[in-house]
């Protein structure tokens, strides 16, 4: 097993000691499970060009949401084409 750095070992210990709590609850968990299931079902690839700023903002938003940025983009497109996309 790879030896952990000090900061990694401290983080692991804090997780094992129960110092961390989920902030999303069951509803958020179910939502992310749907994202994962839909991501696994992808069978077509596209290429798209975005401005560097838009991509950076997408990546930042995906970090806030706790999902990969490509999954976020796919989710936005999916919701849009099914008439379920709404701006916040």
N, C-alpha and C. Protein backbone atom coordinates (compact mmCIF):
# COMPACT_ATOMS: atom_id res chain seq x y z
N UNK A 1 0.85 -1.19 0.00
CA UNK A 1 0.00 0.00 0.00
C UNK A 1 0.89 1.24 0.00
N UNK A 2 0.48 2.24 -0.76
CA UNK A 2 1.22 3.48 -0.84
C UNK A 2 1.14 4.24 0.49
N UNK A 3 2.27 4.77 0.92
CA UNK A 3 2.30 5.54 2.17
C UNK A 3 1.65 6.90 1.94
N UNK A 4 0.79 7.28 2.85
CA UNK A 4 0.10 8.56 2.75
C UNK A 4 0.97 9.69 3.26
N UNK A 5 0.81 10.85 2.63
CA UNK A 5 1.46 12.05 3.15
C UNK A 5 0.75 12.44 4.44
N UNK A 6 1.38 13.28 5.23
CA UNK A 6 0.83 13.66 6.53
C UNK A 6 -0.58 14.24 6.40
N UNK A 7 -0.78 15.16 5.45
CA UNK A 7 -2.09 15.79 5.29
C UNK A 7 -3.14 14.76 4.86
N UNK A 8 -2.75 13.81 4.02
CA UNK A 8 -3.67 12.76 3.58
C UNK A 8 -4.06 11.85 4.75
N UNK A 9 -3.07 11.51 5.56
CA UNK A 9 -3.33 10.65 6.72
C UNK A 9 -4.25 11.35 7.72
N UNK A 10 -4.06 12.66 7.91
CA UNK A 10 -4.92 13.41 8.82
C UNK A 10 -6.36 13.47 8.29
N UNK A 11 -6.50 13.67 6.98
CA UNK A 11 -7.82 13.71 6.38
C UNK A 11 -8.51 12.35 6.51
N UNK A 12 -7.80 11.28 6.21
CA UNK A 12 -8.35 9.94 6.34
C UNK A 12 -8.80 9.67 7.77
N UNK A 13 -7.99 10.04 8.74
CA UNK A 13 -8.35 9.83 10.14
C UNK A 13 -9.61 10.61 10.51
N UNK A 14 -9.72 11.85 10.04
CA UNK A 14 -10.90 12.66 10.36
C UNK A 14 -12.16 12.04 9.76
N UNK A 15 -12.04 11.46 8.56
CA UNK A 15 -13.20 10.79 7.95
C UNK A 15 -13.55 9.54 8.75
N UNK A 16 -12.56 8.75 9.09
CA UNK A 16 -12.80 7.52 9.85
C UNK A 16 -13.34 7.81 11.24
N UNK A 17 -13.00 8.97 11.82
CA UNK A 17 -13.48 9.35 13.14
C UNK A 17 -14.88 9.96 13.11
N UNK A 18 -15.47 10.05 11.91
CA UNK A 18 -16.83 10.56 11.78
C UNK A 18 -16.96 12.07 11.88
N UNK A 19 -15.88 12.78 11.58
CA UNK A 19 -15.91 14.24 11.67
C UNK A 19 -16.56 14.89 10.45
N UNK A 20 -16.89 14.13 9.44
CA UNK A 20 -17.48 14.66 8.21
C UNK A 20 -18.93 14.20 8.12
N UNK A 21 -19.79 15.07 7.58
CA UNK A 21 -21.19 14.74 7.40
C UNK A 21 -21.61 15.07 5.97
N UNK A 22 -22.50 14.27 5.44
CA UNK A 22 -23.08 14.54 4.13
C UNK A 22 -23.96 15.77 4.22
N UNK A 23 -23.92 16.62 3.19
CA UNK A 23 -24.74 17.82 3.20
C UNK A 23 -25.92 17.72 2.24
N UNK A 24 -25.98 16.66 1.46
CA UNK A 24 -27.02 16.58 0.45
C UNK A 24 -28.25 15.79 0.83
N UNK A 25 -28.11 14.85 1.72
CA UNK A 25 -29.24 14.02 2.09
C UNK A 25 -29.58 13.00 1.03
N UNK A 26 -30.63 12.25 1.28
CA UNK A 26 -31.03 11.16 0.38
C UNK A 26 -31.48 11.67 -0.99
N UNK A 27 -32.14 12.83 -1.02
CA UNK A 27 -32.61 13.37 -2.30
C UNK A 27 -31.42 13.68 -3.22
N UNK A 28 -30.40 14.32 -2.68
CA UNK A 28 -29.20 14.66 -3.46
C UNK A 28 -28.48 13.39 -3.89
N UNK A 29 -28.41 12.41 -3.00
CA UNK A 29 -27.76 11.14 -3.32
C UNK A 29 -28.46 10.47 -4.50
N UNK A 30 -29.79 10.45 -4.48
CA UNK A 30 -30.55 9.84 -5.57
C UNK A 30 -30.31 10.59 -6.88
N UNK A 31 -30.21 11.91 -6.79
CA UNK A 31 -29.95 12.72 -7.99
C UNK A 31 -28.59 12.35 -8.59
N UNK A 32 -27.58 12.23 -7.76
CA UNK A 32 -26.25 11.89 -8.26
C UNK A 32 -26.19 10.45 -8.78
N UNK A 33 -26.99 9.56 -8.18
CA UNK A 33 -27.06 8.20 -8.70
C UNK A 33 -27.64 8.19 -10.11
N UNK A 34 -28.65 9.06 -10.34
CA UNK A 34 -29.22 9.18 -11.69
C UNK A 34 -28.17 9.72 -12.66
N UNK A 35 -27.40 10.71 -12.22
CA UNK A 35 -26.32 11.25 -13.07
C UNK A 35 -25.36 10.14 -13.46
N UNK A 36 -24.96 9.35 -12.48
CA UNK A 36 -24.00 8.27 -12.74
C UNK A 36 -24.57 7.24 -13.70
N UNK A 37 -25.84 6.89 -13.49
CA UNK A 37 -26.48 5.91 -14.37
C UNK A 37 -26.57 6.45 -15.80
N UNK A 38 -26.98 7.70 -15.94
CA UNK A 38 -27.10 8.30 -17.26
C UNK A 38 -25.74 8.48 -17.92
N UNK A 39 -24.73 8.77 -17.13
CA UNK A 39 -23.39 8.92 -17.68
C UNK A 39 -22.90 7.59 -18.24
N UNK A 40 -23.18 6.52 -17.55
CA UNK A 40 -22.74 5.20 -18.00
C UNK A 40 -23.44 4.79 -19.29
N UNK A 41 -24.61 5.35 -19.57
CA UNK A 41 -25.38 4.98 -20.75
C UNK A 41 -24.95 5.74 -22.00
N UNK A 42 -23.98 6.62 -21.89
CA UNK A 42 -23.57 7.43 -23.04
C UNK A 42 -22.90 6.55 -24.09
N UNK A 43 -23.32 6.75 -25.35
CA UNK A 43 -22.71 5.95 -26.42
C UNK A 43 -22.29 6.78 -27.63
N UNK A 44 -22.43 8.09 -27.55
CA UNK A 44 -22.00 8.97 -28.63
C UNK A 44 -21.09 10.05 -28.08
N UNK A 45 -20.12 10.41 -28.87
CA UNK A 45 -19.16 11.43 -28.47
C UNK A 45 -19.32 12.64 -29.38
N UNK A 46 -19.20 13.84 -28.81
CA UNK A 46 -19.21 15.06 -29.61
C UNK A 46 -18.01 15.90 -29.21
N UNK A 47 -17.63 16.80 -30.09
CA UNK A 47 -16.60 17.79 -29.79
C UNK A 47 -17.26 19.15 -29.84
N UNK A 48 -16.89 20.01 -28.92
CA UNK A 48 -17.48 21.34 -28.87
C UNK A 48 -16.38 22.32 -28.46
N UNK A 49 -16.42 23.47 -29.05
CA UNK A 49 -15.45 24.52 -28.69
C UNK A 49 -16.15 25.54 -27.80
N UNK A 50 -15.50 25.85 -26.69
CA UNK A 50 -16.02 26.83 -25.74
C UNK A 50 -14.94 27.86 -25.47
N UNK A 51 -15.37 29.01 -25.01
CA UNK A 51 -14.36 29.99 -24.59
C UNK A 51 -13.68 29.46 -23.34
N UNK A 52 -12.47 29.88 -23.14
CA UNK A 52 -11.71 29.44 -21.97
C UNK A 52 -12.43 29.84 -20.68
N UNK A 53 -13.02 31.03 -20.70
CA UNK A 53 -13.73 31.53 -19.52
C UNK A 53 -14.97 30.68 -19.22
N UNK A 54 -15.74 30.34 -20.28
CA UNK A 54 -16.92 29.51 -20.06
C UNK A 54 -16.55 28.14 -19.51
N UNK A 55 -15.49 27.55 -20.06
CA UNK A 55 -15.05 26.23 -19.58
C UNK A 55 -14.61 26.32 -18.12
N UNK A 56 -13.87 27.36 -17.78
CA UNK A 56 -13.43 27.54 -16.39
C UNK A 56 -14.63 27.68 -15.46
N UNK A 57 -15.65 28.43 -15.91
CA UNK A 57 -16.85 28.60 -15.10
C UNK A 57 -17.62 27.29 -14.96
N UNK A 58 -17.69 26.52 -16.05
CA UNK A 58 -18.34 25.21 -15.98
C UNK A 58 -17.63 24.28 -15.00
N UNK A 59 -16.31 24.29 -15.05
CA UNK A 59 -15.54 23.43 -14.13
C UNK A 59 -15.75 23.87 -12.68
N UNK A 60 -15.80 25.17 -12.45
CA UNK A 60 -16.02 25.67 -11.10
C UNK A 60 -17.41 25.27 -10.60
N UNK A 61 -18.41 25.40 -11.47
CA UNK A 61 -19.77 25.02 -11.10
C UNK A 61 -19.86 23.52 -10.82
N UNK A 62 -19.15 22.72 -11.62
CA UNK A 62 -19.18 21.27 -11.41
C UNK A 62 -18.56 20.90 -10.06
N UNK A 63 -17.54 21.64 -9.65
CA UNK A 63 -16.95 21.41 -8.33
C UNK A 63 -17.96 21.71 -7.23
N UNK A 64 -18.71 22.81 -7.41
CA UNK A 64 -19.75 23.16 -6.43
C UNK A 64 -20.80 22.06 -6.34
N UNK A 65 -21.14 21.49 -7.50
CA UNK A 65 -22.16 20.44 -7.55
C UNK A 65 -21.61 19.08 -7.16
N UNK A 66 -20.30 18.93 -7.19
CA UNK A 66 -19.68 17.66 -6.82
C UNK A 66 -19.75 16.60 -7.91
N UNK A 67 -19.79 17.05 -9.16
CA UNK A 67 -19.85 16.12 -10.29
C UNK A 67 -18.82 16.54 -11.34
N UNK A 68 -18.38 15.61 -12.17
CA UNK A 68 -17.44 15.98 -13.24
C UNK A 68 -18.07 16.99 -14.20
N UNK A 69 -17.24 17.88 -14.76
CA UNK A 69 -17.79 18.93 -15.61
C UNK A 69 -18.44 18.37 -16.87
N UNK A 70 -17.95 17.27 -17.39
CA UNK A 70 -18.57 16.69 -18.58
C UNK A 70 -19.95 16.13 -18.24
N UNK A 71 -20.11 15.60 -17.05
CA UNK A 71 -21.42 15.13 -16.60
C UNK A 71 -22.37 16.30 -16.45
N UNK A 72 -21.88 17.41 -15.93
CA UNK A 72 -22.70 18.61 -15.79
C UNK A 72 -23.18 19.09 -17.16
N UNK A 73 -22.28 19.15 -18.13
CA UNK A 73 -22.64 19.59 -19.48
C UNK A 73 -23.68 18.65 -20.07
N UNK A 74 -23.47 17.34 -19.95
CA UNK A 74 -24.43 16.36 -20.47
C UNK A 74 -25.78 16.52 -19.80
N UNK A 75 -25.79 16.79 -18.49
CA UNK A 75 -27.04 16.96 -17.76
C UNK A 75 -27.79 18.20 -18.25
N UNK A 76 -27.06 19.28 -18.47
CA UNK A 76 -27.68 20.52 -18.96
C UNK A 76 -28.32 20.27 -20.33
N UNK A 77 -27.58 19.62 -21.22
CA UNK A 77 -28.10 19.33 -22.56
C UNK A 77 -29.32 18.41 -22.47
N UNK A 78 -29.21 17.38 -21.64
CA UNK A 78 -30.32 16.42 -21.48
C UNK A 78 -31.58 17.14 -21.00
N UNK A 79 -31.44 17.97 -19.99
CA UNK A 79 -32.60 18.69 -19.46
C UNK A 79 -33.16 19.64 -20.51
N UNK A 80 -32.30 20.30 -21.27
CA UNK A 80 -32.76 21.24 -22.29
C UNK A 80 -33.57 20.54 -23.38
N UNK A 81 -33.06 19.44 -23.90
CA UNK A 81 -33.76 18.77 -25.01
C UNK A 81 -35.06 18.09 -24.55
N UNK A 82 -35.19 17.86 -23.26
CA UNK A 82 -36.43 17.27 -22.72
C UNK A 82 -37.34 18.32 -22.11
N UNK A 83 -37.03 19.60 -22.33
CA UNK A 83 -37.89 20.68 -21.85
C UNK A 83 -37.90 20.86 -20.35
N UNK A 84 -36.90 20.35 -19.66
CA UNK A 84 -36.86 20.43 -18.20
C UNK A 84 -35.81 21.40 -17.69
N UNK A 85 -35.09 22.04 -18.59
CA UNK A 85 -34.03 22.96 -18.17
C UNK A 85 -34.66 24.25 -17.70
N UNK A 86 -34.21 24.71 -16.56
CA UNK A 86 -34.69 26.01 -16.06
C UNK A 86 -33.49 26.75 -15.48
N UNK A 87 -33.44 28.03 -15.76
CA UNK A 87 -32.38 28.85 -15.22
C UNK A 87 -32.66 29.15 -13.76
N UNK A 88 -31.60 29.27 -13.01
CA UNK A 88 -31.74 29.57 -11.57
C UNK A 88 -31.82 31.06 -11.37
